[in-house]
Protein backbone atom coordinates (compact mmCIF):
# COMPACT_ATOMS: atom_id res chain seq x y z
CA MET A 1 14.71 -12.20 6.29
CA GLU A 2 12.77 -13.78 9.14
CA THR A 3 9.70 -12.23 10.71
CA LYS A 4 11.49 -11.17 13.89
CA GLU A 5 14.21 -9.42 11.90
CA LEU A 6 11.60 -7.74 9.75
CA PHE A 7 9.76 -6.37 12.79
CA LYS A 8 13.01 -5.05 14.23
CA GLU A 9 13.69 -3.17 11.01
CA ILE A 10 10.15 -1.79 10.91
CA LYS A 11 10.47 -0.51 14.47
CA ARG A 12 13.49 1.53 13.39
CA LEU A 13 11.39 3.46 10.88
CA SER A 14 9.68 6.72 11.73
CA VAL A 15 5.93 6.71 12.33
CA GLU A 16 5.37 8.33 8.94
CA GLN A 17 7.47 5.67 7.19
CA ARG A 18 5.64 2.89 9.02
CA MET A 19 2.26 4.33 8.04
CA ARG A 20 3.38 4.54 4.40
CA LEU A 21 4.59 0.93 4.60
CA ILE A 22 1.23 -0.19 6.00
CA GLU A 23 -0.69 1.71 3.31
CA LYS A 24 1.40 0.22 0.51
CA THR A 25 1.10 -3.26 2.01
CA LEU A 26 -2.68 -3.00 2.25
CA LYS A 27 -2.90 -1.67 -1.29
CA SER A 28 -0.79 -4.59 -2.50
CA ILE A 29 -2.98 -7.12 -0.65
CA ARG A 30 -6.18 -5.58 -2.03
CA LYS A 31 -4.79 -5.56 -5.57
CA SER A 32 -3.68 -9.16 -5.30
CA ASN A 33 -7.06 -10.20 -3.89
CA PHE A 34 -8.91 -8.30 -6.64
CA GLU A 35 -6.78 -9.88 -9.38
CA LYS A 36 -7.33 -13.34 -7.91
CA SER A 37 -11.10 -12.76 -7.74
CA MET A 38 -11.22 -11.51 -11.31
CA SER A 39 -9.20 -14.49 -12.52
CA ILE A 40 -11.57 -16.93 -10.81
CA ALA A 41 -14.60 -15.12 -12.26
CA ALA A 42 -13.08 -15.15 -15.74
CA GLU A 43 -12.44 -18.89 -15.50
CA LYS A 44 -16.02 -19.53 -14.37
CA LEU A 45 -17.48 -17.45 -17.21
CA GLY A 46 -15.07 -18.59 -19.92
CA SER A 47 -17.28 -21.34 -21.28
CA ASP A 48 -20.33 -19.03 -21.22
CA TYR A 49 -18.58 -16.52 -23.43
CA LYS A 50 -17.65 -19.25 -25.89
CA THR A 51 -21.17 -20.64 -26.21
CA ASP A 52 -23.70 -17.90 -25.34
CA GLN A 53 -24.22 -15.63 -28.35
CA GLU A 54 -26.03 -13.03 -26.23
CA LEU A 55 -22.83 -12.37 -24.30
CA ILE A 56 -20.67 -11.81 -27.38
CA VAL A 57 -23.11 -10.08 -29.73
CA PHE A 58 -21.43 -6.69 -29.29
CA THR A 59 -17.95 -8.00 -30.08
CA GLU A 60 -18.91 -7.62 -33.74
CA LEU A 61 -18.58 -3.87 -33.15
CA ASP A 62 -15.07 -4.07 -31.71
CA TYR A 63 -13.37 -2.94 -34.90
CA GLU A 64 -15.95 -0.34 -35.91
CA ASN A 65 -14.96 3.32 -35.77
CA PHE A 66 -16.35 5.07 -32.74
CA TYR A 67 -17.39 8.70 -32.84
CA GLU A 68 -18.26 10.55 -29.67
CA THR A 69 -21.29 12.82 -29.84
CA ARG A 70 -21.44 16.01 -27.86
């Protein structure tokens, strides 16, 4: 569907439906942007986590039982 056709279809929606469409679109864009940012950060830090023992010291506890205190 081309942009012009898409806008025609959107204009046919009620105001409430258009607002919902905008909200969902913005949420989708934010999620995509967040995931992209996290992926870039993970790539940049990947080598640090492989070589810097201070960053991975707590991974030794990953398989320990955890008990919550109250």
